[in-house]
Amino acid sequence: MWLKLRHLDMVQALIGIRAGTPRGVSRGSDTSCETATRADEYLGCPSVIVDMAVIESRHMIEFSISTSLIRGEASRLQHLFSLSDFKKVEIGFYVEETLPLVMNLVMKQGLSYGFHDPLPRLPTYDYPFLTDSDEEKRWRTLDSMYRTMETAVTYGAEYVIGHIPSVIWEPRPALSDARVVELAHNSCSQLSNWSRESGIPFVLENVGPNPYFFHFDAFVGIMRAFPDLEFCLDIGHLHLMSIYAGFNSLEFASAMAPYTTIVHIYNATPEMYRKYHHVPAHPSQLPQDGWADIAGILGCVLDGQQNDLTLVFEYSPQYPADDQYLREGIDWVKGVARGGGPISRE
């Protein structure tokens, strides 16, 4: 089985070309390839044998940043892109009148992009209600997601993200685990149909709390029932859910890794989330101080990775962080994802 590669430089990255013969590649007796140093030179040499088992064990990892950091301020897009060498952006929070300007700037940068529901932003927006027993609320959410899918088709977005389940803080007498799972399946069936019809993946993002839908078994059940759908692991939501419901976030990340195509990167504690929402990730944030174990969670996802991954830095503007702090965190996460391990926190 051959790995589908998107770019020639990705071949080079996968086979790990450095000085000499890379891992997974062996040369035959033809010395014309002895000086090959680029992927196209290796792949053009008939005597080069590429161990596809090695290449197939690796998947692409891309880095992206969300417009959540600047909210609806289109004038700050250039600054957002300057924080790192991003080739992708996740777009949300823009009203219908501003979106064409934003898309024009993004396309001029040559960036690829995904969309986060709701896009365009609705005049009023509450928590998503994909698993709400109130049919009016549930279909209002589905209508928003359909509009975002339509927008994605118009602009050629790579994916659309939406939250699941509905946020419920306290148990309700009329609800049960089985009923909420049934509602989730009803909504996801519709999303799966739209995804197939549009050719654009719909990506389900974990959110909470919800006392009836929080364990990874519920999420795995959805992913198995609707293989057209993909999963976004939101690290901040996961950490807060694990505190609220008392489960192990690393076990959750491991269970969802085979379905995960996107990871939302930011940090949170209950207090900091209430105050600042999505706090920029930084190596100074220690798990023993109540922060999410970003390096550990990412390690679980990468260990079980079965898809190309996009790691999206999804920050909020409220936290008082300067550009140096933001770049330190971005570089740290990139190092973890590329196998360099956590940067020393001392």
C-alpha atoms as a PDB file:
ATOM      1  CA  MET A   1       0.000   0.000   0.000  1.00  0.00           C
ATOM      2  CA  TRP A   2       1.386   3.373  -1.011  1.00  0.00           C
ATOM      3  CA  LEU A   3       1.107   6.454   1.108  1.00  0.00           C
ATOM      4  CA  LYS A   4      -0.662   9.328  -0.629  1.00  0.00           C
ATOM      5  CA  LEU A   5       1.762  12.244  -0.441  1.00  0.00           C
ATOM      6  CA  ARG A   6       0.669  15.802  -1.177  1.00  0.00           C
ATOM      7  CA  HIS A   7       3.995  17.492  -1.811  1.00  0.00           C
ATOM      8  CA  LEU A   8       7.487  16.473  -2.866  1.00  0.00           C
ATOM      9  CA  ASP A   9       9.003  18.146   0.186  1.00  0.00           C
ATOM     10  CA  MET A  10       6.748  15.930   2.292  1.00  0.00           C
ATOM     11  CA  VAL A  11       8.414  12.895   0.743  1.00  0.00           C
ATOM     12  CA  GLN A  12      11.742  14.321   1.781  1.00  0.00           C
ATOM     13  CA  ALA A  13      10.504  14.951   5.306  1.00  0.00           C
ATOM     14  CA  LEU A  14       9.060  11.453   5.600  1.00  0.00           C
ATOM     15  CA  ILE A  15      12.129   9.589   4.466  1.00  0.00           C
ATOM     16  CA  GLY A  16      14.282  11.826   6.602  1.00  0.00           C
ATOM     17  CA  ILE A  17      16.951  12.770   4.063  1.00  0.00           C
ATOM     18  CA  ARG A  18      20.075  14.122   5.684  1.00  0.00           C
ATOM     19  CA  ALA A  19      23.706  13.461   4.882  1.00  0.00           C
ATOM     20  CA  GLY A  20      23.990   9.899   3.645  1.00  0.00           C
ATOM     21  CA  THR A  21      21.238   7.370   3.114  1.00  0.00           C
ATOM     22  CA  PRO A  22      18.045   8.098   5.097  1.00  0.00           C
ATOM     23  CA  ARG A  23      16.254   5.645   7.308  1.00  0.00           C
ATOM     24  CA  GLY A  24      13.903   3.487   5.251  1.00  0.00           C
ATOM     25  CA  VAL A  25      15.910   3.938   2.050  1.00  0.00           C
ATOM     26  CA  SER A  26      18.614   1.645   0.684  1.00  0.00           C
ATOM     27  CA  ARG A  27      20.746   2.097  -2.395  1.00  0.00           C
ATOM     28  CA  GLY A  28      21.535  -0.557  -4.962  1.00  0.00           C
ATOM     29  CA  SER A  29      24.826  -0.898  -6.819  1.00  0.00           C
ATOM     30  CA  ASP A  30      24.111   2.028  -9.144  1.00  0.00           C
ATOM     31  CA  THR A  31      26.556   4.702  -7.997  1.00  0.00           C
ATOM     32  CA  SER A  32      24.779   7.436  -9.960  1.00  0.00           C
ATOM     33  CA  CYS A  33      22.528   7.899  -6.952  1.00  0.00           C
ATOM     34  CA  GLU A  34      25.331   8.082  -4.404  1.00  0.00           C
ATOM     35  CA  THR A  35      25.235  11.872  -4.390  1.00  0.00           C
ATOM     36  CA  ALA A  36      21.458  12.194  -4.253  1.00  0.00           C
ATOM     37  CA  THR A  37      20.431  14.583  -1.499  1.00  0.00           C
ATOM     38  CA  ARG A  38      16.873  15.491  -2.438  1.00  0.00           C
ATOM     39  CA  ALA A  39      13.698  13.447  -2.400  1.00  0.00           C
ATOM     40  CA  ASP A  40      13.149  13.805  -6.139  1.00  0.00           C
ATOM     41  CA  GLU A  41      16.679  12.531  -6.791  1.00  0.00           C
ATOM     42  CA  TYR A  42      16.112   9.483  -4.602  1.00  0.00           C
ATOM     43  CA  LEU A  43      12.730   8.716  -6.112  1.00  0.00           C
ATOM     44  CA  GLY A  44      14.179   9.101  -9.619  1.00  0.00           C
ATOM     45  CA  CYS A  45      16.861   6.481  -8.999  1.00  0.00           C
ATOM     46  CA  PRO A  46      15.763   3.009 -10.121  1.00  0.00           C
ATOM     47  CA  SER A  47      18.180   1.366  -7.706  1.00  0.00           C
ATOM     48  CA  VAL A  48      16.729   3.097  -4.640  1.00  0.00           C
ATOM     49  CA  ILE A  49      14.420   0.914  -2.583  1.00  0.00           C
ATOM     50  CA  VAL A  50      12.084   2.837  -0.302  1.00  0.00           C
ATOM     51  CA  ASP A  51      10.790   0.938   2.699  1.00  0.00           C
ATOM     52  CA  MET A  52       7.163   2.016   2.497  1.00  0.00           C
ATOM     53  CA  ALA A  53       6.452   0.421   5.872  1.00  0.00           C
ATOM     54  CA  VAL A  54       8.618   3.136   7.384  1.00  0.00           C
ATOM     55  CA  ILE A  55       6.995   5.912   5.361  1.00  0.00           C
ATOM     56  CA  GLU A  56       3.485   4.611   5.958  1.00  0.00           C
ATOM     57  CA  SER A  57       4.026   4.772   9.696  1.00  0.00           C
ATOM     58  CA  ARG A  58       4.286   8.561   9.481  1.00  0.00           C
ATOM     59  CA  HIS A  59       1.574  11.090   8.756  1.00  0.00           C
ATOM     60  CA  MET A  60       1.679  14.745   7.908  1.00  0.00           C
ATOM     61  CA  ILE A  61       1.539  17.249  10.774  1.00  0.00           C
ATOM     62  CA  GLU A  62       0.572  20.806   9.887  1.00  0.00           C
ATOM     63  CA  PHE A  63       0.389  23.850  12.124  1.00  0.00           C
ATOM     64  CA  SER A  64      -2.384  26.404  11.956  1.00  0.00           C
ATOM     65  CA  ILE A  65      -3.592  29.406  13.910  1.00  0.00           C
ATOM     66  CA  SER A  66      -7.173  30.403  14.632  1.00  0.00           C
ATOM     67  CA  THR A  67      -8.618  33.850  14.057  1.00  0.00           C
ATOM     68  CA  SER A  68     -10.042  33.478  17.587  1.00  0.00           C
ATOM     69  CA  LEU A  69      -6.956  35.409  18.793  1.00  0.00           C
ATOM     70  CA  ILE A  70      -8.116  38.534  16.955  1.00  0.00           C
ATOM     71  CA  ARG A  71     -11.846  37.808  16.968  1.00  0.00           C
ATOM     72  CA  GLY A  72     -13.497  39.781  14.176  1.00  0.00           C
ATOM     73  CA  GLU A  73     -10.672  42.285  13.642  1.00  0.00           C
ATOM     74  CA  ALA A  74      -9.733  41.794  10.003  1.00  0.00           C
ATOM     75  CA  SER A  75      -7.128  44.566  10.302  1.00  0.00           C
ATOM     76  CA  ARG A  76      -5.015  42.319  12.574  1.00  0.00           C
ATOM     77  CA  LEU A  77      -4.789  39.360  10.205  1.00  0.00           C
ATOM     78  CA  GLN A  78      -1.264  40.224   9.043  1.00  0.00           C
ATOM     79  CA  HIS A  79      -0.081  40.331  12.640  1.00  0.00           C
ATOM     80  CA  LEU A  80      -1.698  36.959  13.278  1.00  0.00           C
ATOM     81  CA  PHE A  81       0.159  35.382  10.351  1.00  0.00           C
ATOM     82  CA  SER A  82       3.458  36.927  11.512  1.00  0.00           C
ATOM     83  CA  LEU A  83       3.558  34.930  14.763  1.00  0.00           C
ATOM     84  CA  SER A  84       5.042  31.918  12.973  1.00  0.00           C
ATOM     85  CA  ASP A  85       5.495  30.412   9.523  1.00  0.00           C
ATOM     86  CA  PHE A  86       1.893  29.244   9.329  1.00  0.00           C
ATOM     87  CA  LYS A  87       0.624  27.752   6.088  1.00  0.00           C
ATOM     88  CA  LYS A  88      -2.917  27.256   7.339  1.00  0.00           C
ATOM     89  CA  VAL A  89      -5.517  29.224   9.278  1.00  0.00           C
ATOM     90  CA  GLU A  90      -8.788  28.317  10.998  1.00  0.00           C
ATOM     91  CA  ILE A  91     -11.404  30.969  10.347  1.00  0.00           C
ATOM     92  CA  GLY A  92     -14.327  31.940  12.537  1.00  0.00           C
ATOM     93  CA  PHE A  93     -16.034  34.921  14.198  1.00  0.00           C
ATOM     94  CA  TYR A  94     -16.599  36.983  11.037  1.00  0.00           C
ATOM     95  CA  VAL A  95     -19.896  38.511  10.010  1.00  0.00           C
ATOM     96  CA  GLU A  96     -21.193  38.069   6.481  1.00  0.00           C
ATOM     97  CA  GLU A  97     -20.120  41.558   5.372  1.00  0.00           C
ATOM     98  CA  THR A  98     -16.506  41.133   6.533  1.00  0.00           C
ATOM     99  CA  LEU A  99     -15.881  37.567   5.386  1.00  0.00           C
ATOM    100  CA  PRO A 100     -15.101  38.357   1.708  1.00  0.00           C
ATOM    101  CA  LEU A 101     -12.347  40.788   2.801  1.00  0.00           C
ATOM    102  CA  VAL A 102     -10.905  38.195   5.173  1.00  0.00           C
ATOM    103  CA  MET A 103     -10.938  35.475   2.534  1.00  0.00           C
ATOM    104  CA  ASN A 104      -9.263  37.780   0.031  1.00  0.00           C
ATOM    105  CA  LEU A 105      -6.402  38.446   2.463  1.00  0.00           C
ATOM    106  CA  VAL A 106      -6.063  34.765   3.340  1.00  0.00           C
ATOM    107  CA  MET A 107      -5.948  33.748  -0.314  1.00  0.00           C
ATOM    108  CA  LYS A 108      -3.351  36.423  -1.099  1.00  0.00           C
ATOM    109  CA  GLN A 109      -1.175  34.867   1.615  1.00  0.00           C
ATOM    110  CA  GLY A 110      -1.501  31.510  -0.127  1.00  0.00           C
ATOM    111  CA  LEU A 111      -2.836  29.872   3.028  1.00  0.00           C
ATOM    112  CA  SER A 112      -5.088  26.847   3.217  1.00  0.00           C
ATOM    113  CA  TYR A 113      -7.968  27.102   5.672  1.00  0.00           C
ATOM    114  CA  GLY A 114     -10.756  25.444   7.575  1.00  0.00           C
ATOM    115  CA  PHE A 115     -13.912  26.986   9.017  1.00  0.00           C
ATOM    116  CA  HIS A 116     -15.309  26.956  12.539  1.00  0.00           C
ATOM    117  CA  ASP A 117     -19.080  27.088  12.954  1.00  0.00           C
ATOM    118  CA  PRO A 118     -20.810  29.525  12.985  1.00  0.00           C
ATOM    119  CA  LEU A 119     -19.467  31.209   9.867  1.00  0.00           C
ATOM    120  CA  PRO A 120     -20.706  33.750   9.039  1.00  0.00           C
ATOM    121  CA  ARG A 121     -21.237  34.687  12.658  1.00  0.00           C
ATOM    122  CA  LEU A 122     -24.893  34.846  13.642  1.00  0.00           C
ATOM    123  CA  PRO A 123     -26.397  37.954  15.309  1.00  0.00           C
ATOM    124  CA  THR A 124     -26.967  35.878  18.442  1.00  0.00           C
ATOM    125  CA  TYR A 125     -25.086  32.699  19.251  1.00  0.00           C
ATOM    126  CA  ASP A 126     -25.383  30.507  22.322  1.00  0.00           C
ATOM    127  CA  TYR A 127     -23.900  27.115  23.114  1.00  0.00           C
ATOM    128  CA  PRO A 128     -24.464  24.571  20.343  1.00  0.00           C
ATOM    129  CA  PHE A 129     -27.431  22.286  20.931  1.00  0.00           C
ATOM    130  CA  LEU A 130     -26.665  19.190  18.855  1.00  0.00           C
ATOM    131  CA  THR A 131     -27.866  16.899  21.647  1.00  0.00           C
ATOM    132  CA  ASP A 132     -30.635  19.085  23.057  1.00  0.00           C
ATOM    133  CA  SER A 133     -34.045  17.497  23.572  1.00  0.00           C
ATOM    134  CA  ASP A 134     -35.607  20.791  22.463  1.00  0.00           C
ATOM    135  CA  GLU A 135     -36.000  20.145  18.735  1.00  0.00           C
ATOM    136  CA  GLU A 136     -36.142  23.861  17.916  1.00  0.00           C
ATOM    137  CA  LYS A 137     -32.741  24.438  19.540  1.00  0.00           C
ATOM    138  CA  ARG A 138     -31.245  21.337  17.961  1.00  0.00           C
ATOM    139  CA  TRP A 139     -32.371  22.282  14.459  1.00  0.00           C
ATOM    140  CA  ARG A 140     -31.268  25.872  14.968  1.00  0.00           C
ATOM    141  CA  THR A 141     -27.783  24.505  15.601  1.00  0.00           C
ATOM    142  CA  LEU A 142     -27.976  22.192  12.588  1.00  0.00           C
ATOM    143  CA  ASP A 143     -29.134  25.109  10.441  1.00  0.00           C
ATOM    144  CA  SER A 144     -26.094  27.118  11.543  1.00  0.00           C
ATOM    145  CA  MET A 145     -23.794  24.214  10.694  1.00  0.00           C
ATOM    146  CA  TYR A 146     -25.464  23.815   7.307  1.00  0.00           C
ATOM    147  CA  ARG A 147     -24.882  27.520   6.584  1.00  0.00           C
ATOM    148  CA  THR A 148     -21.230  27.092   7.541  1.00  0.00           C
ATOM    149  CA  MET A 149     -20.967  24.089   5.222  1.00  0.00           C
ATOM    150  CA  GLU A 150     -22.459  26.189   2.415  1.00  0.00           C
ATOM    151  CA  THR A 151     -19.879  28.886   3.093  1.00  0.00           C
ATOM    152  CA  ALA A 152     -17.137  26.265   3.074  1.00  0.00           C
ATOM    153  CA  VAL A 153     -18.279  25.040  -0.336  1.00  0.00           C
ATOM    154  CA  THR A 154     -18.281  28.611  -1.665  1.00  0.00           C
ATOM    155  CA  TYR A 155     -14.711  29.273  -0.538  1.00  0.00           C
ATOM    156  CA  GLY A 156     -13.266  25.763  -0.850  1.00  0.00           C
ATOM    157  CA  ALA A 157     -12.466  25.261   2.833  1.00  0.00           C
ATOM    158  CA  GLU A 158     -10.714  22.043   3.836  1.00  0.00           C
ATOM    159  CA  TYR A 159     -13.080  21.272   6.727  1.00  0.00           C
ATOM    160  CA  VAL A 160     -15.817  22.579   9.007  1.00  0.00           C
ATOM    161  CA  ILE A 161     -15.733  22.215  12.800  1.00  0.00           C
ATOM    162  CA  GLY A 162     -18.687  22.193  15.189  1.00  0.00           C
ATOM    163  CA  HIS A 163     -19.138  21.385  18.884  1.00  0.00           C
ATOM    164  CA  ILE A 164     -20.685  18.303  20.458  1.00  0.00           C
ATOM    165  CA  PRO A 165     -22.459  17.635  22.875  1.00  0.00           C
ATOM    166  CA  SER A 166     -24.779  20.343  24.170  1.00  0.00           C
ATOM    167  CA  VAL A 167     -23.493  22.024  27.312  1.00  0.00           C
ATOM    168  CA  ILE A 168     -25.488  20.930  30.379  1.00  0.00           C
ATOM    169  CA  TRP A 169     -24.237  21.871  33.833  1.00  0.00           C
ATOM    170  CA  GLU A 170     -26.671  19.849  35.938  1.00  0.00           C
ATOM    171  CA  PRO A 171     -28.628  16.591  35.394  1.00  0.00           C
ATOM    172  CA  ARG A 172     -32.174  16.941  34.114  1.00  0.00           C
ATOM    173  CA  PRO A 173     -34.941  14.505  35.131  1.00  0.00           C
ATOM    174  CA  ALA A 174     -36.200  14.054  31.572  1.00  0.00           C
ATOM    175  CA  LEU A 175     -32.785  13.122  30.175  1.00  0.00           C
ATOM    176  CA  SER A 176     -30.720   9.952  30.260  1.00  0.00           C
ATOM    177  CA  ASP A 177     -27.454   8.727  28.734  1.00  0.00           C
ATOM    178  CA  ALA A 178     -29.383   6.723  26.142  1.00  0.00           C
ATOM    179  CA  ARG A 179     -31.575   9.683  25.145  1.00  0.00           C
ATOM    180  CA  VAL A 180     -28.642  12.077  24.711  1.00  0.00           C
ATOM    181  CA  VAL A 181     -26.711   9.484  22.686  1.00  0.00           C
ATOM    182  CA  GLU A 182     -29.793   9.009  20.495  1.00  0.00           C
ATOM    183  CA  LEU A 183     -30.004  12.761  19.891  1.00  0.00           C
ATOM    184  CA  ALA A 184     -26.274  12.847  19.087  1.00  0.00           C
ATOM    185  CA  HIS A 185     -26.714  10.095  16.506  1.00  0.00           C
ATOM    186  CA  ASN A 186     -29.705  11.865  14.951  1.00  0.00           C
ATOM    187  CA  SER A 187     -27.741  15.097  14.546  1.00  0.00           C
ATOM    188  CA  CYS A 188     -24.561  13.401  13.364  1.00  0.00           C
ATOM    189  CA  SER A 189     -26.468  11.431  10.752  1.00  0.00           C
ATOM    190  CA  GLN A 190     -27.512  14.738   9.207  1.00  0.00           C
ATOM    191  CA  LEU A 191     -23.975  16.146   9.420  1.00  0.00           C
ATOM    192  CA  SER A 192     -22.576  13.002   7.844  1.00  0.00           C
ATOM    193  CA  ASN A 193     -25.000  13.302   4.924  1.00  0.00           C
ATOM    194  CA  TRP A 194     -24.055  16.942   4.354  1.00  0.00           C
ATOM    195  CA  SER A 195     -20.374  16.074   4.532  1.00  0.00           C
ATOM    196  CA  ARG A 196     -20.726  13.392   1.860  1.00  0.00           C
ATOM    197  CA  GLU A 197     -22.833  15.641  -0.374  1.00  0.00           C
ATOM    198  CA  SER A 198     -20.445  18.596  -0.134  1.00  0.00           C
ATOM    199  CA  GLY A 199     -17.193  16.633  -0.177  1.00  0.00           C
ATOM    200  CA  ILE A 200     -16.007  18.634   2.851  1.00  0.00           C
ATOM    201  CA  PRO A 201     -15.243  16.807   6.107  1.00  0.00           C
ATOM    202  CA  PHE A 202     -17.287  17.807   9.125  1.00  0.00           C
ATOM    203  CA  VAL A 203     -15.166  17.644  12.261  1.00  0.00           C
ATOM    204  CA  LEU A 204     -16.759  17.126  15.675  1.00  0.00           C
ATOM    205  CA  GLU A 205     -15.088  19.003  18.531  1.00  0.00           C
ATOM    206  CA  ASN A 206     -15.456  17.856  22.140  1.00  0.00           C
ATOM    207  CA  VAL A 207     -17.034  20.373  24.487  1.00  0.00           C
ATOM    208  CA  GLY A 208     -18.665  20.186  27.881  1.00  0.00           C
ATOM    209  CA  PRO A 209     -19.755  19.780  30.511  1.00  0.00           C
ATOM    210  CA  ASN A 210     -22.546  17.319  29.874  1.00  0.00           C
ATOM    211  CA  PRO A 211     -23.283  14.686  32.554  1.00  0.00           C
ATOM    212  CA  TYR A 212     -24.753  12.319  29.943  1.00  0.00           C
ATOM    213  CA  PHE A 213     -22.132  12.546  27.205  1.00  0.00           C
ATOM    214  CA  PHE A 214     -18.541  12.945  28.323  1.00  0.00           C
ATOM    215  CA  HIS A 215     -16.800   9.560  28.381  1.00  0.00           C
ATOM    216  CA  PHE A 216     -14.743   8.592  25.361  1.00  0.00           C
ATOM    217  CA  ASP A 217     -17.055   5.594  24.738  1.00  0.00           C
ATOM    218  CA  ALA A 218     -19.812   8.016  23.700  1.00  0.00           C
ATOM    219  CA  PHE A 219     -17.503   9.816  21.268  1.00  0.00           C
ATOM    220  CA  VAL A 220     -16.038   6.584  19.891  1.00  0.00           C
ATOM    221  CA  GLY A 221     -19.565   5.300  19.291  1.00  0.00           C
ATOM    222  CA  ILE A 222     -20.326   8.346  17.151  1.00  0.00           C
ATOM    223  CA  MET A 223     -17.107   8.062  15.154  1.00  0.00           C
ATOM    224  CA  ARG A 224     -17.681   4.366  14.441  1.00  0.00           C
ATOM    225  CA  ALA A 225     -21.299   4.935  13.442  1.00  0.00           C
ATOM    226  CA  PHE A 226     -20.422   7.800  11.085  1.00  0.00           C
ATOM    227  CA  PRO A 227     -17.007   7.200   9.520  1.00  0.00           C
ATOM    228  CA  ASP A 228     -17.455  10.225   7.228  1.00  0.00           C
ATOM    229  CA  LEU A 229     -17.093  12.466  10.277  1.00  0.00           C
ATOM    230  CA  GLU A 230     -13.753  13.413  11.815  1.00  0.00           C
ATOM    231  CA  PHE A 231     -12.719  14.441  15.321  1.00  0.00           C
ATOM    232  CA  CYS A 232     -11.133  17.557  16.774  1.00  0.00           C
ATOM    233  CA  LEU A 233      -9.548  17.092  20.176  1.00  0.00           C
ATOM    234  CA  ASP A 234      -9.819  20.386  22.040  1.00  0.00           C
ATOM    235  CA  ILE A 235      -7.199  20.207  24.785  1.00  0.00           C
ATOM    236  CA  GLY A 236      -8.688  22.949  26.949  1.00  0.00           C
ATOM    237  CA  HIS A 237     -12.203  21.517  26.804  1.00  0.00           C
ATOM    238  CA  LEU A 238     -10.801  18.059  27.495  1.00  0.00           C
ATOM    239  CA  HIS A 239      -8.929  19.226  30.575  1.00  0.00           C
ATOM    240  CA  LEU A 240     -11.943  21.020  32.001  1.00  0.00           C
ATOM    241  CA  MET A 241     -14.206  18.047  31.220  1.00  0.00           C
ATOM    242  CA  SER A 242     -11.791  15.701  32.993  1.00  0.00           C
ATOM    243  CA  ILE A 243     -11.897  17.878  36.117  1.00  0.00           C
ATOM    244  CA  TYR A 244     -15.687  18.187  35.992  1.00  0.00           C
ATOM    245  CA  ALA A 245     -16.399  14.502  35.339  1.00  0.00           C
ATOM    246  CA  GLY A 246     -13.365  12.944  37.036  1.00  0.00           C
ATOM    247  CA  PHE A 247     -11.797  10.990  34.174  1.00  0.00           C
ATOM    248  CA  ASN A 248      -8.265  10.681  32.812  1.00  0.00           C
ATOM    249  CA  SER A 249      -7.599  13.082  29.937  1.00  0.00           C
ATOM    250  CA  LEU A 250      -4.682  10.994  28.637  1.00  0.00           C
ATOM    251  CA  GLU A 251      -6.904   7.913  28.320  1.00  0.00           C
ATOM    252  CA  PHE A 252      -9.478   9.992  26.452  1.00  0.00           C
ATOM    253  CA  ALA A 253      -6.831  11.343  24.060  1.00  0.00           C
ATOM    254  CA  SER A 254      -5.494   7.849  23.407  1.00  0.00           C
ATOM    255  CA  ALA A 255      -8.972   6.446  22.713  1.00  0.00           C
ATOM    256  CA  MET A 256      -9.798   9.271  20.286  1.00  0.00           C
ATOM    257  CA  ALA A 257      -6.402   9.396  18.564  1.00  0.00           C
ATOM    258  CA  PRO A 258      -7.389   7.092  15.655  1.00  0.00           C
ATOM    259  CA  TYR A 259     -10.259   9.457  14.750  1.00  0.00           C
ATOM    260  CA  THR A 260      -8.464  12.748  15.377  1.00  0.00           C
ATOM    261  CA  THR A 261      -7.532  14.989  12.462  1.00  0.00           C
ATOM    262  CA  ILE A 262      -7.387  18.329  14.285  1.00  0.00           C
ATOM    263  CA  VAL A 263      -6.141  19.332  17.734  1.00  0.00           C
ATOM    264  CA  HIS A 264      -7.016  22.680  19.274  1.00  0.00           C
ATOM    265  CA  ILE A 265      -4.042  23.905  21.266  1.00  0.00           C
ATOM    266  CA  TYR A 266      -4.449  26.220  24.255  1.00  0.00           C
ATOM    267  CA  ASN A 267      -4.422  25.822  28.012  1.00  0.00           C
ATOM    268  CA  ALA A 268      -6.886  26.353  30.817  1.00  0.00           C
ATOM    269  CA  THR A 269      -7.702  25.883  34.440  1.00  0.00           C
ATOM    270  CA  PRO A 270     -11.285  26.410  35.659  1.00  0.00           C
ATOM    271  CA  GLU A 271     -10.379  29.789  37.142  1.00  0.00           C
ATOM    272  CA  MET A 272      -8.309  30.955  34.158  1.00  0.00           C
ATOM    273  CA  TYR A 273     -10.980  29.791  31.698  1.00  0.00           C
ATOM    274  CA  ARG A 274     -13.593  31.919  33.432  1.00  0.00           C
ATOM    275  CA  LYS A 275     -11.240  34.900  33.414  1.00  0.00           C
ATOM    276  CA  TYR A 276      -9.382  34.591  30.107  1.00  0.00           C
ATOM    277  CA  HIS A 277     -11.081  31.759  28.180  1.00  0.00           C
ATOM    278  CA  HIS A 278      -8.368  30.185  25.949  1.00  0.00           C
ATOM    279  CA  VAL A 279      -4.941  30.869  27.461  1.00  0.00           C
ATOM    280  CA  PRO A 280      -1.984  30.644  25.039  1.00  0.00           C
ATOM    281  CA  ALA A 281       0.031  27.467  25.573  1.00  0.00           C
ATOM    282  CA  HIS A 282       3.448  27.952  27.166  1.00  0.00           C
ATOM    283  CA  PRO A 283       6.097  25.595  28.615  1.00  0.00           C
ATOM    284  CA  SER A 284       5.839  27.366  31.988  1.00  0.00           C
ATOM    285  CA  GLN A 285       2.325  25.934  32.515  1.00  0.00           C
ATOM    286  CA  LEU A 286       2.859  22.914  34.758  1.00  0.00           C
ATOM    287  CA  PRO A 287       0.275  20.120  35.166  1.00  0.00           C
ATOM    288  CA  GLN A 288       0.958  20.055  38.900  1.00  0.00           C
ATOM    289  CA  ASP A 289      -0.248  23.660  39.012  1.00  0.00           C
ATOM    290  CA  GLY A 290      -3.594  22.673  37.528  1.00  0.00           C
ATOM    291  CA  TRP A 291      -2.863  23.234  33.836  1.00  0.00           C
ATOM    292  CA  ALA A 292      -3.572  20.708  31.103  1.00  0.00           C
ATOM    293  CA  ASP A 293      -0.688  18.381  30.306  1.00  0.00           C
ATOM    294  CA  ILE A 294      -0.367  19.569  26.719  1.00  0.00           C
ATOM    295  CA  ALA A 295       2.805  17.593  26.005  1.00  0.00           C
ATOM    296  CA  GLY A 296       1.310  14.403  27.471  1.00  0.00           C
ATOM    297  CA  ILE A 297      -1.982  14.777  25.606  1.00  0.00           C
ATOM    298  CA  LEU A 298      -0.209  15.491  22.326  1.00  0.00           C
ATOM    299  CA  GLY A 299       2.001  12.460  22.931  1.00  0.00           C
ATOM    300  CA  CYS A 300      -1.084  10.240  23.261  1.00  0.00           C
ATOM    301  CA  VAL A 301      -2.555  11.596  20.031  1.00  0.00           C
ATOM    302  CA  LEU A 302       0.692  11.144  18.127  1.00  0.00           C
ATOM    303  CA  ASP A 303       1.213   7.613  19.473  1.00  0.00           C
ATOM    304  CA  GLY A 304      -2.188   6.576  18.118  1.00  0.00           C
ATOM    305  CA  GLN A 305      -2.176   8.798  15.048  1.00  0.00           C
ATOM    306  CA  GLN A 306      -3.822   7.255  11.974  1.00  0.00           C
ATOM    307  CA  ASN A 307      -4.515  10.434   9.986  1.00  0.00           C
ATOM    308  CA  ASP A 308      -2.792  13.592   8.887  1.00  0.00           C
ATOM    309  CA  LEU A 309      -3.030  16.086  11.746  1.00  0.00           C
ATOM    310  CA  THR A 310      -3.551  19.827  11.914  1.00  0.00           C
ATOM    311  CA  LEU A 311      -2.550  21.417  15.218  1.00  0.00           C
ATOM    312  CA  VAL A 312      -4.446  24.686  15.576  1.00  0.00           C
ATOM    313  CA  PHE A 313      -3.336  27.333  18.074  1.00  0.00           C
ATOM    314  CA  GLU A 314      -6.764  28.508  19.244  1.00  0.00           C
ATOM    315  CA  TYR A 315      -6.155  31.406  21.599  1.00  0.00           C
ATOM    316  CA  SER A 316      -8.392  34.130  23.023  1.00  0.00           C
ATOM    317  CA  PRO A 317      -7.363  37.798  23.030  1.00  0.00           C
ATOM    318  CA  GLN A 318      -8.185  38.403  26.688  1.00  0.00           C
ATOM    319  CA  TYR A 319      -4.985  36.935  28.150  1.00  0.00           C
ATOM    320  CA  PRO A 320      -2.224  39.582  28.549  1.00  0.00           C
ATOM    321  CA  ALA A 321       0.497  37.849  26.502  1.00  0.00           C
ATOM    322  CA  ASP A 322       3.026  39.633  24.301  1.00  0.00           C
ATOM    323  CA  ASP A 323       4.328  38.294  20.994  1.00  0.00           C
ATOM    324  CA  GLN A 324       7.425  36.787  22.611  1.00  0.00           C
ATOM    325  CA  TYR A 325       5.274  34.733  24.993  1.00  0.00           C
ATOM    326  CA  LEU A 326       3.074  33.589  22.117  1.00  0.00           C
ATOM    327  CA  ARG A 327       6.052  32.584  19.973  1.00  0.00           C
ATOM    328  CA  GLU A 328       7.725  30.726  22.842  1.00  0.00           C
ATOM    329  CA  GLY A 329       4.577  28.650  23.287  1.00  0.00           C
ATOM    330  CA  ILE A 330       4.150  28.009  19.586  1.00  0.00           C
ATOM    331  CA  ASP A 331       7.783  26.908  19.233  1.00  0.00           C
ATOM    332  CA  TRP A 332       7.463  24.653  22.276  1.00  0.00           C
ATOM    333  CA  VAL A 333       4.377  22.884  20.912  1.00  0.00           C
ATOM    334  CA  LYS A 334       6.043  22.474  17.525  1.00  0.00           C
ATOM    335  CA  GLY A 335       9.041  20.885  19.219  1.00  0.00           C
ATOM    336  CA  VAL A 336       6.817  18.436  21.097  1.00  0.00           C
ATOM    337  CA  ALA A 337       4.886  17.526  17.952  1.00  0.00           C
ATOM    338  CA  ARG A 338       8.024  16.997  15.905  1.00  0.00           C
ATOM    339  CA  GLY A 339       9.393  14.539  18.415  1.00  0.00           C
ATOM    340  CA  GLY A 340      11.742  16.827  20.262  1.00  0.00           C
ATOM    341  CA  GLY A 341       9.983  16.202  23.555  1.00  0.00           C
ATOM    342  CA  PRO A 342       8.920  18.823  26.050  1.00  0.00           C
ATOM    343  CA  ILE A 343      11.243  21.801  26.389  1.00  0.00           C
ATOM    344  CA  SER A 344      12.721  22.083  29.868  1.00  0.00           C
ATOM    345  CA  ARG A 345      10.393  23.915  32.180  1.00  0.00           C
ATOM    346  CA  GLU A 346      13.111  24.782  34.673  1.00  0.00           C
END
